[in-house]
Amino acid sequence: MSEPALMLAAAILCALAGFAWLALAMEVHWQQVHGGGTGPRRRLRLLGAGGLVASLLLCLQADPPSMAALVWLMLLAGAVLAVALLLAWRPALLRLAWPRRG
């Protein structure tokens, strides 16, 4: 696999993780995934934003800036759709993004 392809694959993973963390930062989704309690909202929001920024930086490394911006926007649309579908059909799978401790 070529280096740009690996960077784009990493960008996809970062975007998926970022949106999963942002979803878990919301109380309703935290309870849906973990069955109650409250999560570390601030930490999850920071991690989510960091994941999205990391995905942008990886896209910029893989492609020229004009193409990277387009790829990143399409990647964001796909990642947010994937997380939304996971929340609708199998919310327990998002425990992989932030397992409940204790």
Protein backbone atom coordinates (compact mmCIF):
# COMPACT_ATOMS: atom_id res chain seq x y z
CA MET A 1 0.00 0.00 0.00
CA SER A 2 1.40 3.40 -0.95
CA GLU A 3 2.14 6.15 1.57
CA PRO A 4 -0.75 8.45 0.47
CA ALA A 5 -3.17 5.53 0.73
CA LEU A 6 -1.96 4.79 4.27
CA MET A 7 -2.36 8.46 5.21
CA LEU A 8 -5.90 8.50 3.84
CA ALA A 9 -6.72 5.30 5.74
CA ALA A 10 -5.38 6.91 8.92
CA ALA A 11 -7.43 10.05 8.14
CA ILE A 12 -10.57 7.92 7.90
CA LEU A 13 -9.84 6.29 11.25
CA CYS A 14 -9.15 9.67 12.87
CA ALA A 15 -12.41 11.10 11.53
CA LEU A 16 -14.41 8.08 12.72
CA ALA A 17 -12.83 8.26 16.16
CA GLY A 18 -13.33 12.02 16.29
CA PHE A 19 -17.03 11.83 15.54
CA ALA A 20 -17.47 8.89 17.91
CA TRP A 21 -15.86 10.92 20.72
CA LEU A 22 -17.98 13.96 19.88
CA ALA A 23 -21.12 11.81 19.96
CA LEU A 24 -20.13 10.30 23.31
CA ALA A 25 -19.60 13.81 24.69
CA MET A 26 -23.38 14.27 24.46
CA GLU A 27 -25.21 12.97 27.51
CA VAL A 28 -27.97 11.24 25.55
CA HIS A 29 -25.50 9.26 23.43
CA TRP A 30 -23.32 8.44 26.45
CA GLN A 31 -26.36 6.94 28.19
CA GLN A 32 -27.41 5.15 25.00
CA VAL A 33 -23.98 3.51 24.68
CA HIS A 34 -23.06 2.96 28.33
CA GLY A 35 -26.50 2.60 29.89
CA GLY A 36 -26.31 5.49 32.35
CA GLY A 37 -24.03 7.82 34.20
CA THR A 38 -22.12 10.71 32.71
CA GLY A 39 -18.97 10.71 30.67
CA PRO A 40 -15.93 12.97 30.68
CA ARG A 41 -17.50 15.54 28.36
CA ARG A 42 -14.67 18.02 28.12
CA ARG A 43 -12.06 15.37 27.42
CA LEU A 44 -14.26 13.73 24.80
CA ARG A 45 -14.90 17.06 23.07
CA LEU A 46 -11.18 17.85 22.97
CA LEU A 47 -10.35 14.39 21.65
CA GLY A 48 -13.11 14.66 19.05
CA ALA A 49 -11.87 18.00 17.78
CA GLY A 50 -8.31 16.67 17.78
CA GLY A 51 -9.35 13.64 15.75
CA LEU A 52 -10.97 15.82 13.11
CA VAL A 53 -7.95 18.13 12.93
CA ALA A 54 -5.65 15.12 12.66
CA SER A 55 -7.73 13.78 9.78
CA LEU A 56 -7.40 17.14 8.00
CA LEU A 57 -3.63 17.18 8.50
CA LEU A 58 -3.34 13.62 7.18
CA CYS A 59 -5.40 14.55 4.11
CA LEU A 60 -3.13 17.54 3.52
CA GLN A 61 -0.09 15.25 3.66
CA ALA A 62 -1.62 12.77 1.22
CA ASP A 63 -2.86 15.21 -1.46
CA PRO A 64 -2.33 18.77 -2.71
CA PRO A 65 -4.32 21.31 -0.61
CA SER A 66 -7.12 21.85 -3.13
CA MET A 67 -7.77 18.13 -3.45
CA ALA A 68 -7.19 17.47 0.27
CA ALA A 69 -9.94 19.92 1.25
CA LEU A 70 -12.43 18.15 -1.00
CA VAL A 71 -11.37 14.69 0.17
CA TRP A 72 -11.57 15.79 3.81
CA LEU A 73 -15.10 17.16 3.43
CA MET A 74 -16.28 13.96 1.77
CA LEU A 75 -14.50 11.94 4.44
CA LEU A 76 -16.27 13.93 7.17
CA ALA A 77 -19.64 13.28 5.56
CA GLY A 78 -18.99 9.55 5.38
CA ALA A 79 -17.61 9.33 8.92
CA VAL A 80 -20.49 11.22 10.51
CA LEU A 81 -22.96 9.02 8.63
CA ALA A 82 -21.18 5.89 9.85
CA VAL A 83 -21.27 7.07 13.47
CA ALA A 84 -24.93 8.06 13.18
CA LEU A 85 -25.82 4.65 11.77
CA LEU A 86 -23.86 2.94 14.56
CA LEU A 87 -25.80 4.97 17.13
CA ALA A 88 -29.07 3.95 15.48
CA TRP A 89 -28.37 0.23 14.97
CA ARG A 90 -25.55 -0.91 17.26
CA PRO A 91 -24.75 1.76 19.85
CA ALA A 92 -22.81 -0.73 21.97
CA LEU A 93 -20.08 -0.81 19.30
CA LEU A 94 -19.18 2.77 20.23
CA ARG A 95 -17.91 1.42 23.55
CA LEU A 96 -14.77 0.64 21.58
CA ALA A 97 -14.18 4.40 21.27
CA TRP A 98 -14.39 4.97 25.04
CA PRO A 99 -14.86 1.95 27.31
CA ARG A 100 -16.53 2.68 30.63
CA ARG A 101 -14.14 2.32 33.53
CA GLY A 102 -15.07 1.31 37.02
